[in-house]
Amino acid sequence: MKIAVSAQGPGLEAEVDPRFGRARWLVIYDSETGEVESINNSQNFNAAQGAGIKAAELVADRGCAVVLTGHLGPKAFDVLKKAGIKGYNNAAGKVKEAVAAFQNGKLQEVMEADVEGHW
């Protein structure tokens, strides 16, 4: 399963970014192969609007099944939901710690956006 994590930098040692659409990086971890892909999200970080939508489309295009982040806005949540991607909020610490928390059942699935757009 591919797990996307909003991050402040590339790799598993980076800190989780509490924002999804405007995170500086998106780190994708494949739990089956252990492969890690770090995607520079600066294009969305600086976007006037639509950052959450574009980030959600990006992780959908990469085949992710799960997103771990601090918070999800309404537009990103809707795109993820339509793509069948589950979102989990309140991820914190390093990316590898967020992945471990998810794998150990310590994060709860998001049922609706928890912040306003442009957060």
PDB file of N, CA and C in Angstrom:
ATOM      1  N   MET A   1       0.840  -1.176   0.000  1.00  0.00           N
ATOM      2  CA  MET A   1       0.000   0.000   0.000  1.00  0.00           C
ATOM      3  C   MET A   1       0.886   1.241   0.000  1.00  0.00           C
ATOM      4  N   LYS A   2       0.504   2.210  -0.815  1.00  0.00           N
ATOM      5  CA  LYS A   2       1.246   3.469  -0.848  1.00  0.00           C
ATOM      6  C   LYS A   2       0.598   4.464   0.107  1.00  0.00           C
ATOM      7  N   ILE A   3       1.444   5.048   0.955  1.00  0.00           N
ATOM      8  CA  ILE A   3       1.014   5.995   1.983  1.00  0.00           C
ATOM      9  C   ILE A   3       1.680   7.334   1.696  1.00  0.00           C
ATOM     10  N   ALA A   4       0.876   8.378   1.496  1.00  0.00           N
ATOM     11  CA  ALA A   4       1.408   9.729   1.266  1.00  0.00           C
ATOM     12  C   ALA A   4       1.385  10.498   2.583  1.00  0.00           C
ATOM     13  N   VAL A   5       2.484  11.193   2.862  1.00  0.00           N
ATOM     14  CA  VAL A   5       2.595  11.972   4.098  1.00  0.00           C
ATOM     15  C   VAL A   5       3.010  13.392   3.734  1.00  0.00           C
ATOM     16  N   SER A   6       2.281  14.383   4.258  1.00  0.00           N
ATOM     17  CA  SER A   6       2.686  15.783   4.048  1.00  0.00           C
ATOM     18  C   SER A   6       3.911  16.034   4.915  1.00  0.00           C
ATOM     19  N   ALA A   7       4.935  16.636   4.323  1.00  0.00           N
ATOM     20  CA  ALA A   7       6.202  16.765   5.037  1.00  0.00           C
ATOM     21  C   ALA A   7       6.859  18.118   4.792  1.00  0.00           C
ATOM     22  N   GLN A   8       7.755  18.488   5.712  1.00  0.00           N
ATOM     23  CA  GLN A   8       8.495  19.743   5.599  1.00  0.00           C
ATOM     24  C   GLN A   8       9.780  19.577   4.806  1.00  0.00           C
ATOM     25  N   GLY A   9      10.128  18.342   4.489  1.00  0.00           N
ATOM     26  CA  GLY A   9      11.331  18.054   3.725  1.00  0.00           C
ATOM     27  C   GLY A   9      11.206  16.679   3.089  1.00  0.00           C
ATOM     28  N   PRO A  10      12.207  16.256   2.329  1.00  0.00           N
ATOM     29  CA  PRO A  10      12.166  14.945   1.687  1.00  0.00           C
ATOM     30  C   PRO A  10      12.578  13.824   2.641  1.00  0.00           C
ATOM     31  N   GLY A  11      12.060  12.638   2.398  1.00  0.00           N
ATOM     32  CA  GLY A  11      12.507  11.441   3.112  1.00  0.00           C
ATOM     33  C   GLY A  11      11.765  11.143   4.404  1.00  0.00           C
ATOM     34  N   LEU A  12      12.061   9.975   4.938  1.00  0.00           N
ATOM     35  CA  LEU A  12      11.387   9.483   6.138  1.00  0.00           C
ATOM     36  C   LEU A  12      11.787  10.223   7.413  1.00  0.00           C
ATOM     37  N   GLU A  13      12.934  10.893   7.399  1.00  0.00           N
ATOM     38  CA  GLU A  13      13.402  11.622   8.585  1.00  0.00           C
ATOM     39  C   GLU A  13      12.838  13.042   8.674  1.00  0.00           C
ATOM     40  N   ALA A  14      12.147  13.493   7.630  1.00  0.00           N
ATOM     41  CA  ALA A  14      11.577  14.846   7.625  1.00  0.00           C
ATOM     42  C   ALA A  14      10.422  14.935   8.622  1.00  0.00           C
ATOM     43  N   GLU A  15      10.168  16.141   9.102  1.00  0.00           N
ATOM     44  CA  GLU A  15       9.034  16.374   9.999  1.00  0.00           C
ATOM     45  C   GLU A  15       7.750  16.422   9.178  1.00  0.00           C
ATOM     46  N   VAL A  16       6.669  15.925   9.772  1.00  0.00           N
ATOM     47  CA  VAL A  16       5.353  16.010   9.137  1.00  0.00           C
ATOM     48  C   VAL A  16       4.946  17.475   9.055  1.00  0.00           C
ATOM     49  N   ASP A  17       4.399  17.880   7.924  1.00  0.00           N
ATOM     50  CA  ASP A  17       3.853  19.231   7.773  1.00  0.00           C
ATOM     51  C   ASP A  17       2.375  19.148   8.151  1.00  0.00           C
ATOM     52  N   PRO A  18       1.894  20.033   9.023  1.00  0.00           N
ATOM     53  CA  PRO A  18       0.489  19.955   9.438  1.00  0.00           C
ATOM     54  C   PRO A  18      -0.491  20.290   8.313  1.00  0.00           C
ATOM     55  N   ARG A  19       0.013  20.903   7.243  1.00  0.00           N
ATOM     56  CA  ARG A  19      -0.846  21.230   6.103  1.00  0.00           C
ATOM     57  C   ARG A  19      -0.674  20.162   5.034  1.00  0.00           C
ATOM     58  N   PHE A  20      -1.737  19.865   4.331  1.00  0.00           N
ATOM     59  CA  PHE A  20      -1.641  18.894   3.248  1.00  0.00           C
ATOM     60  C   PHE A  20      -1.348  19.592   1.917  1.00  0.00           C
ATOM     61  N   GLY A  21      -2.263  20.386   1.437  1.00  0.00           N
ATOM     62  CA  GLY A  21      -2.109  21.017   0.129  1.00  0.00           C
ATOM     63  C   GLY A  21      -0.919  21.944   0.029  1.00  0.00           C
ATOM     64  N   ARG A  22      -0.611  22.622   1.122  1.00  0.00           N
ATOM     65  CA  ARG A  22       0.488  23.585   1.121  1.00  0.00           C
ATOM     66  C   ARG A  22       1.744  23.054   1.823  1.00  0.00           C
ATOM     67  N   ALA A  23       1.813  21.747   1.973  1.00  0.00           N
ATOM     68  CA  ALA A  23       3.038  21.139   2.511  1.00  0.00           C
ATOM     69  C   ALA A  23       4.166  21.364   1.510  1.00  0.00           C
ATOM     70  N   ARG A  24       5.381  21.538   2.002  1.00  0.00           N
ATOM     71  CA  ARG A  24       6.520  21.741   1.097  1.00  0.00           C
ATOM     72  C   ARG A  24       6.860  20.476   0.314  1.00  0.00           C
ATOM     73  N   TRP A  25       6.631  19.325   0.918  1.00  0.00           N
ATOM     74  CA  TRP A  25       6.947  18.043   0.288  1.00  0.00           C
ATOM     75  C   TRP A  25       5.818  17.058   0.537  1.00  0.00           C
ATOM     76  N   LEU A  26       5.682  16.088  -0.342  1.00  0.00           N
ATOM     77  CA  LEU A  26       4.831  14.928  -0.137  1.00  0.00           C
ATOM     78  C   LEU A  26       5.742  13.715  -0.223  1.00  0.00           C
ATOM     79  N   VAL A  27       5.773  12.938   0.838  1.00  0.00           N
ATOM     80  CA  VAL A  27       6.611  11.744   0.881  1.00  0.00           C
ATOM     81  C   VAL A  27       5.690  10.536   0.733  1.00  0.00           C
ATOM     82  N   ILE A  28       5.986   9.709  -0.247  1.00  0.00           N
ATOM     83  CA  ILE A  28       5.175   8.521  -0.486  1.00  0.00           C
ATOM     84  C   ILE A  28       5.986   7.292  -0.091  1.00  0.00           C
ATOM     85  N   TYR A  29       5.416   6.524   0.830  1.00  0.00           N
ATOM     86  CA  TYR A  29       6.065   5.310   1.331  1.00  0.00           C
ATOM     87  C   TYR A  29       5.254   4.104   0.870  1.00  0.00           C
ATOM     88  N   ASP A  30       5.911   3.148   0.236  1.00  0.00           N
ATOM     89  CA  ASP A  30       5.261   1.913  -0.195  1.00  0.00           C
ATOM     90  C   ASP A  30       5.504   0.863   0.890  1.00  0.00           C
ATOM     91  N   SER A  31       4.453   0.496   1.602  1.00  0.00           N
ATOM     92  CA  SER A  31       4.604  -0.426   2.730  1.00  0.00           C
ATOM     93  C   SER A  31       4.951  -1.847   2.289  1.00  0.00           C
ATOM     94  N   GLU A  32       4.731  -2.171   1.026  1.00  0.00           N
ATOM     95  CA  GLU A  32       5.048  -3.506   0.536  1.00  0.00           C
ATOM     96  C   GLU A  32       6.503  -3.636   0.100  1.00  0.00           C
ATOM     97  N   THR A  33       7.049  -2.580  -0.498  1.00  0.00           N
ATOM     98  CA  THR A  33       8.414  -2.657  -1.023  1.00  0.00           C
ATOM     99  C   THR A  33       9.427  -1.879  -0.180  1.00  0.00           C
ATOM    100  N   GLY A  34       8.937  -0.963   0.661  1.00  0.00           N
ATOM    101  CA  GLY A  34       9.821  -0.110   1.446  1.00  0.00           C
ATOM    102  C   GLY A  34      10.365   1.072   0.658  1.00  0.00           C
ATOM    103  N   GLU A  35       9.946   1.213  -0.599  1.00  0.00           N
ATOM    104  CA  GLU A  35      10.424   2.327  -1.418  1.00  0.00           C
ATOM    105  C   GLU A  35       9.847   3.648  -0.937  1.00  0.00           C
ATOM    106  N   VAL A  36      10.648   4.704  -1.084  1.00  0.00           N
ATOM    107  CA  VAL A  36      10.248   6.045  -0.677  1.00  0.00           C
ATOM    108  C   VAL A  36      10.425   6.984  -1.859  1.00  0.00           C
ATOM    109  N   GLU A  37       9.396   7.777  -2.128  1.00  0.00           N
ATOM    110  CA  GLU A  37       9.463   8.808  -3.162  1.00  0.00           C
ATOM    111  C   GLU A  37       9.143  10.138  -2.503  1.00  0.00           C
ATOM    112  N   SER A  38       9.992  11.126  -2.697  1.00  0.00           N
ATOM    113  CA  SER A  38       9.771  12.465  -2.151  1.00  0.00           C
ATOM    114  C   SER A  38       9.465  13.409  -3.297  1.00  0.00           C
ATOM    115  N   ILE A  39       8.329  14.086  -3.199  1.00  0.00           N
ATOM    116  CA  ILE A  39       7.875  14.983  -4.264  1.00  0.00           C
ATOM    117  C   ILE A  39       7.893  16.415  -3.759  1.00  0.00           C
ATOM    118  N   ASN A  40       8.652  17.262  -4.437  1.00  0.00           N
ATOM    119  CA  ASN A  40       8.700  18.678  -4.086  1.00  0.00           C
ATOM    120  C   ASN A  40       7.339  19.285  -4.438  1.00  0.00           C
ATOM    121  N   ASN A  41       6.657  19.820  -3.442  1.00  0.00           N
ATOM    122  CA  ASN A  41       5.317  20.364  -3.611  1.00  0.00           C
ATOM    123  C   ASN A  41       5.312  21.891  -3.624  1.00  0.00           C
ATOM    124  N   SER A  42       6.459  22.512  -3.932  1.00  0.00           N
ATOM    125  CA  SER A  42       6.553  23.975  -3.869  1.00  0.00           C
ATOM    126  C   SER A  42       5.589  24.661  -4.826  1.00  0.00           C
ATOM    127  N   GLN A  43       5.255  24.016  -5.932  1.00  0.00           N
ATOM    128  CA  GLN A  43       4.291  24.584  -6.865  1.00  0.00           C
ATOM    129  C   GLN A  43       2.944  24.795  -6.171  1.00  0.00           C
ATOM    130  N   ASN A  44       2.512  23.831  -5.382  1.00  0.00           N
ATOM    131  CA  ASN A  44       1.248  23.955  -4.651  1.00  0.00           C
ATOM    132  C   ASN A  44       1.399  24.821  -3.411  1.00  0.00           C
ATOM    133  N   PHE A  45       2.575  24.794  -2.793  1.00  0.00           N
ATOM    134  CA  PHE A  45       2.842  25.603  -1.604  1.00  0.00           C
ATOM    135  C   PHE A  45       2.598  27.081  -1.902  1.00  0.00           C
ATOM    136  N   ASN A  46       2.987  27.514  -3.101  1.00  0.00           N
ATOM    137  CA  ASN A  46       2.872  28.922  -3.477  1.00  0.00           C
ATOM    138  C   ASN A  46       1.612  29.255  -4.277  1.00  0.00           C
ATOM    139  N   ALA A  47       0.733  28.282  -4.501  1.00  0.00           N
ATOM    140  CA  ALA A  47      -0.461  28.511  -5.313  1.00  0.00           C
ATOM    141  C   ALA A  47      -1.427  29.468  -4.619  1.00  0.00           C
ATOM    142  N   ALA A  48      -2.045  30.348  -5.412  1.00  0.00           N
ATOM    143  CA  ALA A  48      -3.036  31.283  -4.865  1.00  0.00           C
ATOM    144  C   ALA A  48      -4.254  30.523  -4.367  1.00  0.00           C
ATOM    145  N   GLN A  49      -4.672  29.503  -5.089  1.00  0.00           N
ATOM    146  CA  GLN A  49      -5.781  28.649  -4.667  1.00  0.00           C
ATOM    147  C   GLN A  49      -5.677  27.313  -5.374  1.00  0.00           C
ATOM    148  N   GLY A  50      -6.404  26.328  -4.879  1.00  0.00           N
ATOM    149  CA  GLY A  50      -6.399  25.003  -5.494  1.00  0.00           C
ATOM    150  C   GLY A  50      -5.263  24.104  -5.057  1.00  0.00           C
ATOM    151  N   ALA A  51      -4.510  24.516  -4.029  1.00  0.00           N
ATOM    152  CA  ALA A  51      -3.362  23.711  -3.586  1.00  0.00           C
ATOM    153  C   ALA A  51      -3.789  22.338  -3.104  1.00  0.00           C
ATOM    154  N   GLY A  52      -4.859  22.274  -2.321  1.00  0.00           N
ATOM    155  CA  GLY A  52      -5.332  20.991  -1.798  1.00  0.00           C
ATOM    156  C   GLY A  52      -5.805  20.060  -2.892  1.00  0.00           C
ATOM    157  N   ILE A  53      -6.509  20.624  -3.863  1.00  0.00           N
ATOM    158  CA  ILE A  53      -7.006  19.829  -4.990  1.00  0.00           C
ATOM    159  C   ILE A  53      -5.832  19.244  -5.764  1.00  0.00           C
ATOM    160  N   LYS A  54      -4.844  20.078  -6.073  1.00  0.00           N
ATOM    161  CA  LYS A  54      -3.697  19.613  -6.858  1.00  0.00           C
ATOM    162  C   LYS A  54      -2.879  18.571  -6.107  1.00  0.00           C
ATOM    163  N   ALA A  55      -2.688  18.767  -4.810  1.00  0.00           N
ATOM    164  CA  ALA A  55      -1.942  17.786  -4.019  1.00  0.00           C
ATOM    165  C   ALA A  55      -2.708  16.463  -3.949  1.00  0.00           C
ATOM    166  N   ALA A  56      -4.026  16.539  -3.804  1.00  0.00           N
ATOM    167  CA  ALA A  56      -4.843  15.324  -3.759  1.00  0.00           C
ATOM    168  C   ALA A  56      -4.782  14.586  -5.093  1.00  0.00           C
ATOM    169  N   GLU A  57      -4.832  15.327  -6.197  1.00  0.00           N
ATOM    170  CA  GLU A  57      -4.726  14.702  -7.515  1.00  0.00           C
ATOM    171  C   GLU A  57      -3.358  14.055  -7.703  1.00  0.00           C
ATOM    172  N   LEU A  58      -2.322  14.694  -7.185  1.00  0.00           N
ATOM    173  CA  LEU A  58      -0.966  14.170  -7.302  1.00  0.00           C
ATOM    174  C   LEU A  58      -0.836  12.815  -6.594  1.00  0.00           C
ATOM    175  N   VAL A  59      -1.346  12.711  -5.364  1.00  0.00           N
ATOM    176  CA  VAL A  59      -1.234  11.435  -4.639  1.00  0.00           C
ATOM    177  C   VAL A  59      -2.142  10.375  -5.259  1.00  0.00           C
ATOM    178  N   ALA A  60      -3.277  10.792  -5.836  1.00  0.00           N
ATOM    179  CA  ALA A  60      -4.149   9.843  -6.526  1.00  0.00           C
ATOM    180  C   ALA A  60      -3.434   9.295  -7.763  1.00  0.00           C
ATOM    181  N   ASP A  61      -2.773  10.173  -8.504  1.00  0.00           N
ATOM    182  CA  ASP A  61      -2.039   9.750  -9.698  1.00  0.00           C
ATOM    183  C   ASP A  61      -0.902   8.782  -9.368  1.00  0.00           C
ATOM    184  N   ARG A  62      -0.352   8.890  -8.157  1.00  0.00           N
ATOM    185  CA  ARG A  62       0.749   8.004  -7.735  1.00  0.00           C
ATOM    186  C   ARG A  62       0.226   6.691  -7.164  1.00  0.00           C
ATOM    187  N   GLY A  63      -1.102   6.525  -7.096  1.00  0.00           N
ATOM    188  CA  GLY A  63      -1.671   5.266  -6.621  1.00  0.00           C
ATOM    189  C   GLY A  63      -1.704   5.116  -5.117  1.00  0.00           C
ATOM    190  N   CYS A  64      -1.717   6.218  -4.401  1.00  0.00           N
ATOM    191  CA  CYS A  64      -1.752   6.154  -2.939  1.00  0.00           C
ATOM    192  C   CYS A  64      -3.139   5.729  -2.443  1.00  0.00           C
ATOM    193  N   ALA A  65      -3.169   4.986  -1.355  1.00  0.00           N
ATOM    194  CA  ALA A  65      -4.420   4.545  -0.746  1.00  0.00           C
ATOM    195  C   ALA A  65      -4.736   5.342   0.500  1.00  0.00           C
ATOM    196  N   VAL A  66      -3.705   5.998   1.064  1.00  0.00           N
ATOM    197  CA  VAL A  66      -3.836   6.679   2.349  1.00  0.00           C
ATOM    198  C   VAL A  66      -3.036   7.972   2.328  1.00  0.00           C
ATOM    199  N   VAL A  67      -3.563   9.007   3.011  1.00  0.00           N
ATOM    200  CA  VAL A  67      -2.847  10.259   3.232  1.00  0.00           C
ATOM    201  C   VAL A  67      -2.761  10.486   4.733  1.00  0.00           C
ATOM    202  N   LEU A  68      -1.555  10.770   5.218  1.00  0.00           N
ATOM    203  CA  LEU A  68      -1.324  11.123   6.613  1.00  0.00           C
ATOM    204  C   LEU A  68      -0.898  12.580   6.654  1.00  0.00           C
ATOM    205  N   THR A  69      -1.561  13.388   7.474  1.00  0.00           N
ATOM    206  CA  THR A  69      -1.266  14.814   7.536  1.00  0.00           C
ATOM    207  C   THR A  69      -1.736  15.362   8.879  1.00  0.00           C
ATOM    208  N   GLY A  70      -1.512  16.638   9.075  1.00  0.00           N
ATOM    209  CA  GLY A  70      -2.021  17.281  10.284  1.00  0.00           C
ATOM    210  C   GLY A  70      -3.490  17.624  10.135  1.00  0.00           C
ATOM    211  N   HIS A  71      -3.834  18.229   8.995  1.00  0.00           N
ATOM    212  CA  HIS A  71      -5.206  18.684   8.752  1.00  0.00           C
ATOM    213  C   HIS A  71      -5.537  18.577   7.270  1.00  0.00           C
ATOM    214  N   LEU A  72      -6.820  18.347   6.977  1.00  0.00           N
ATOM    215  CA  LEU A  72      -7.305  18.309   5.596  1.00  0.00           C
ATOM    216  C   LEU A  72      -8.397  19.352   5.415  1.00  0.00           C
ATOM    217  N   GLY A  73      -8.259  20.169   4.367  1.00  0.00           N
ATOM    218  CA  GLY A  73      -9.279  21.146   4.022  1.00  0.00           C
ATOM    219  C   GLY A  73     -10.396  20.502   3.216  1.00  0.00           C
ATOM    220  N   PRO A  74     -11.481  21.242   2.996  1.00  0.00           N
ATOM    221  CA  PRO A  74     -12.667  20.664   2.345  1.00  0.00           C
ATOM    222  C   PRO A  74     -12.453  20.221   0.892  1.00  0.00           C
ATOM    223  N   LYS A  75     -11.728  20.975   0.119  1.00  0.00           N
ATOM    224  CA  LYS A  75     -11.544  20.613  -1.291  1.00  0.00           C
ATOM    225  C   LYS A  75     -10.637  19.394  -1.430  1.00  0.00           C
ATOM    226  N   ALA A  76      -9.549  19.380  -0.680  1.00  0.00           N
ATOM    227  CA  ALA A  76      -8.652  18.223  -0.711  1.00  0.00           C
ATOM    228  C   ALA A  76      -9.385  16.981  -0.219  1.00  0.00           C
ATOM    229  N   PHE A  77     -10.146  17.129   0.858  1.00  0.00           N
ATOM    230  CA  PHE A  77     -10.898  15.991   1.401  1.00  0.00           C
ATOM    231  C   PHE A  77     -11.839  15.416   0.351  1.00  0.00           C
ATOM    232  N   ASP A  78     -12.562  16.295  -0.355  1.00  0.00           N
ATOM    233  CA  ASP A  78     -13.513  15.834  -1.367  1.00  0.00           C
ATOM    234  C   ASP A  78     -12.823  15.080  -2.499  1.00  0.00           C
ATOM    235  N   VAL A  79     -11.688  15.594  -2.982  1.00  0.00           N
ATOM    236  CA  VAL A  79     -10.962  14.930  -4.065  1.00  0.00           C
ATOM    237  C   VAL A  79     -10.443  13.568  -3.595  1.00  0.00           C
ATOM    238  N   LEU A  80      -9.885  13.526  -2.394  1.00  0.00           N
ATOM    239  CA  LEU A  80      -9.388  12.257  -1.861  1.00  0.00           C
ATOM    240  C   LEU A  80     -10.518  11.245  -1.716  1.00  0.00           C
ATOM    241  N   LYS A  81     -11.629  11.695  -1.184  1.00  0.00           N
ATOM    242  CA  LYS A  81     -12.771  10.799  -0.977  1.00  0.00           C
ATOM    243  C   LYS A  81     -13.258  10.226  -2.311  1.00  0.00           C
ATOM    244  N   LYS A  82     -13.392  11.079  -3.326  1.00  0.00           N
ATOM    245  CA  LYS A  82     -13.849  10.628  -4.645  1.00  0.00           C
ATOM    246  C   LYS A  82     -12.857   9.644  -5.271  1.00  0.00           C
ATOM    247  N   ALA A  83     -11.579   9.780  -4.936  1.00  0.00           N
ATOM    248  CA  ALA A  83     -10.540   8.889  -5.468  1.00  0.00           C
ATOM    249  C   ALA A  83     -10.410   7.602  -4.642  1.00  0.00           C
ATOM    250  N   GLY A  84     -11.180   7.500  -3.554  1.00  0.00           N
ATOM    251  CA  GLY A  84     -11.105   6.310  -2.702  1.00  0.00           C
ATOM    252  C   GLY A  84      -9.897   6.285  -1.791  1.00  0.00           C
ATOM    253  N   ILE A  85      -9.322   7.472  -1.534  1.00  0.00           N
ATOM    254  CA  ILE A  85      -8.143   7.577  -0.668  1.00  0.00           C
ATOM    255  C   ILE A  85      -8.592   7.994   0.724  1.00  0.00           C
ATOM    256  N   LYS A  86      -8.155   7.255   1.721  1.00  0.00           N
ATOM    257  CA  LYS A  86      -8.520   7.563   3.101  1.00  0.00           C
ATOM    258  C   LYS A  86      -7.539   8.573   3.681  1.00  0.00           C
ATOM    259  N   GLY A  87      -8.067   9.542   4.410  1.00  0.00           N
ATOM    260  CA  GLY A  87      -7.240  10.555   5.047  1.00  0.00           C
ATOM    261  C   GLY A  87      -7.184  10.348   6.552  1.00  0.00           C
ATOM    262  N   TYR A  88      -6.032  10.627   7.140  1.00  0.00           N
ATOM    263  CA  TYR A  88      -5.828  10.516   8.582  1.00  0.00           C
ATOM    264  C   TYR A  88      -5.165  11.800   9.061  1.00  0.00           C
ATOM    265  N   ASN A  89      -5.812  12.492  10.002  1.00  0.00           N
ATOM    266  CA  ASN A  89      -5.292  13.750  10.545  1.00  0.00           C
ATOM    267  C   ASN A  89      -4.486  13.515  11.813  1.00  0.00           C
ATOM    268  N   ASN A  90      -3.930  14.590  12.302  1.00  0.00           N
ATOM    269  CA  ASN A  90      -3.168  14.611  13.555  1.00  0.00           C
ATOM    270  C   ASN A  90      -1.873  13.812  13.493  1.00  0.00           C
ATOM    271  N   ALA A  91      -1.368  13.577  12.287  1.00  0.00           N
ATOM    272  CA  ALA A  91      -0.054  12.949  12.158  1.00  0.00           C
ATOM    273  C   ALA A  91       0.988  13.976  12.602  1.00  0.00           C
ATOM    274  N   ALA A  92       2.005  13.521  13.304  1.00  0.00           N
ATOM    275  CA  ALA A  92       3.024  14.439  13.819  1.00  0.00           C
ATOM    276  C   ALA A  92       4.353  13.707  13.947  1.00  0.00           C
ATOM    277  N   GLY A  93       5.397  14.493  14.239  1.00  0.00           N
ATOM    278  CA  GLY A  93       6.730  13.924  14.378  1.00  0.00           C
ATOM    279  C   GLY A  93       7.382  13.761  13.017  1.00  0.00           C
ATOM    280  N   LYS A  94       8.245  12.785  12.914  1.00  0.00           N
ATOM    281  CA  LYS A  94       8.906  12.490  11.645  1.00  0.00           C
ATOM    282  C   LYS A  94       7.969  11.658  10.765  1.00  0.00           C
ATOM    283  N   VAL A  95       8.206  11.687   9.470  1.00  0.00           N
ATOM    284  CA  VAL A  95       7.379  10.926   8.533  1.00  0.00           C
ATOM    285  C   VAL A  95       7.344   9.459   8.942  1.00  0.00           C
ATOM    286  N   LYS A  96       8.502   8.894   9.276  1.00  0.00           N
ATOM    287  CA  LYS A  96       8.543   7.473   9.648  1.00  0.00           C
ATOM    288  C   LYS A  96       7.724   7.202  10.911  1.00  0.00           C
ATOM    289  N   GLU A  97       7.655   8.173  11.820  1.00  0.00           N
ATOM    290  CA  GLU A  97       6.850   8.008  13.029  1.00  0.00           C
ATOM    291  C   GLU A  97       5.356   8.069  12.709  1.00  0.00           C
ATOM    292  N   ALA A  98       4.980   8.928  11.781  1.00  0.00           N
ATOM    293  CA  ALA A  98       3.577   9.013  11.364  1.00  0.00           C
ATOM    294  C   ALA A  98       3.145   7.710  10.690  1.00  0.00           C
ATOM    295  N   VAL A  99       4.020   7.168   9.836  1.00  0.00           N
ATOM    296  CA  VAL A  99       3.714   5.900   9.170  1.00  0.00           C
ATOM    297  C   VAL A  99       3.555   4.794  10.211  1.00  0.00           C
ATOM    298  N   ALA A 100       4.449   4.740  11.190  1.00  0.00           N
ATOM    299  CA  ALA A 100       4.366   3.722  12.244  1.00  0.00           C
ATOM    300  C   ALA A 100       3.079   3.885  13.054  1.00  0.00           C
ATOM    301  N   ALA A 101       2.706   5.120  13.368  1.00  0.00           N
ATOM    302  CA  ALA A 101       1.467   5.373  14.115  1.00  0.00           C
ATOM    303  C   ALA A 101       0.261   4.871  13.328  1.00  0.00           C
ATOM    304  N   PHE A 102       0.255   5.122  12.025  1.00  0.00           N
ATOM    305  CA  PHE A 102      -0.836   4.635  11.174  1.00  0.00           C
ATOM    306  C   PHE A 102      -0.865   3.107  11.169  1.00  0.00           C
ATOM    307  N   GLN A 103       0.292   2.500  10.947  1.00  0.00           N
ATOM    308  CA  GLN A 103       0.364   1.041  10.865  1.00  0.00           C
ATOM    309  C   GLN A 103      -0.019   0.365  12.183  1.00  0.00           C
ATOM    310  N   ASN A 104       0.172   1.078  13.290  1.00  0.00           N
ATOM    311  CA  ASN A 104      -0.182   0.537  14.608  1.00  0.00           C
ATOM    312  C   ASN A 104      -1.590   0.928  15.049  1.00  0.00           C
ATOM    313  N   GLY A 105      -2.366   1.538  14.129  1.00  0.00           N
ATOM    314  CA  GLY A 105      -3.753   1.881  14.422  1.00  0.00           C
ATOM    315  C   GLY A 105      -3.930   3.050  15.377  1.00  0.00           C
ATOM    316  N   LYS A 106      -2.930   3.937  15.474  1.00  0.00           N
ATOM    317  CA  LYS A 106      -2.995   5.054  16.416  1.00  0.00           C
ATOM    318  C   LYS A 106      -3.557   6.341  15.815  1.00  0.00           C
ATOM    319  N   LEU A 107      -3.830   6.343  14.508  1.00  0.00           N
ATOM    320  CA  LEU A 107      -4.431   7.519  13.866  1.00  0.00           C
ATOM    321  C   LEU A 107      -5.854   7.177  13.458  1.00  0.00           C
ATOM    322  N   GLN A 108      -6.744   8.164  13.575  1.00  0.00           N
ATOM    323  CA  GLN A 108      -8.139   7.941  13.206  1.00  0.00           C
ATOM    324  C   GLN A 108      -8.423   8.479  11.812  1.00  0.00           C
ATOM    325  N   GLU A 109      -9.237   7.735  11.077  1.00  0.00           N
ATOM    326  CA  GLU A 109      -9.625   8.170   9.740  1.00  0.00           C
ATOM    327  C   GLU A 109     -10.487   9.430   9.832  1.00  0.00           C
ATOM    328  N   VAL A 110     -10.280  10.332   8.895  1.00  0.00           N
ATOM    329  CA  VAL A 110     -11.024  11.590   8.822  1.00  0.00           C
ATOM    330  C   VAL A 110     -12.350  11.336   8.115  1.00  0.00           C
ATOM    331  N   MET A 111     -13.426  11.828   8.699  1.00  0.00           N
ATOM    332  CA  MET A 111     -14.748  11.674   8.087  1.00  0.00           C
ATOM    333  C   MET A 111     -15.224  12.959   7.415  1.00  0.00           C
ATOM    334  N   GLU A 112     -14.531  14.067   7.700  1.00  0.00           N
ATOM    335  CA  GLU A 112     -14.836  15.356   7.064  1.00  0.00           C
ATOM    336  C   GLU A 112     -13.645  16.285   7.249  1.00  0.00           C
ATOM    337  N   ALA A 113     -13.605  17.338   6.452  1.00  0.00           N
ATOM    338  CA  ALA A 113     -12.520  18.321   6.566  1.00  0.00           C
ATOM    339  C   ALA A 113     -12.524  18.914   7.971  1.00  0.00           C
ATOM    340  N   ASP A 114     -11.342  19.219   8.476  1.00  0.00           N
ATOM    341  CA  ASP A 114     -11.276  19.786   9.829  1.00  0.00           C
ATOM    342  C   ASP A 114     -10.747  21.204   9.865  1.00  0.00           C
ATOM    343  N   VAL A 115     -10.482  21.786   8.699  1.00  0.00           N
ATOM    344  CA  VAL A 115     -10.075  23.198   8.615  1.00  0.00           C
ATOM    345  C   VAL A 115     -10.761  23.819   7.405  1.00  0.00           C
ATOM    346  N   GLU A 116     -10.796  25.137   7.390  1.00  0.00           N
ATOM    347  CA  GLU A 116     -11.353  25.887   6.248  1.00  0.00           C
ATOM    348  C   GLU A 116     -10.381  25.814   5.072  1.00  0.00           C
ATOM    349  N   GLY A 117     -10.862  26.128   3.885  1.00  0.00           N
ATOM    350  CA  GLY A 117      -9.984  26.227   2.740  1.00  0.00           C
ATOM    351  C   GLY A 117      -8.971  27.336   2.948  1.00  0.00           C
ATOM    352  N   HIS A 118      -7.842  27.290   2.240  1.00  0.00           N
ATOM    353  CA  HIS A 118      -6.752  28.278   2.322  1.00  0.00           C
ATOM    354  C   HIS A 118      -6.126  28.338   3.711  1.00  0.00           C
ATOM    355  N   TRP A 119      -6.135  27.229   4.437  1.00  0.00           N
ATOM    356  CA  TRP A 119      -5.586  27.190   5.789  1.00  0.00           C
ATOM    357  C   TRP A 119      -4.094  27.212   5.742  1.00  0.00           C
TER     358      TRP A 119
END
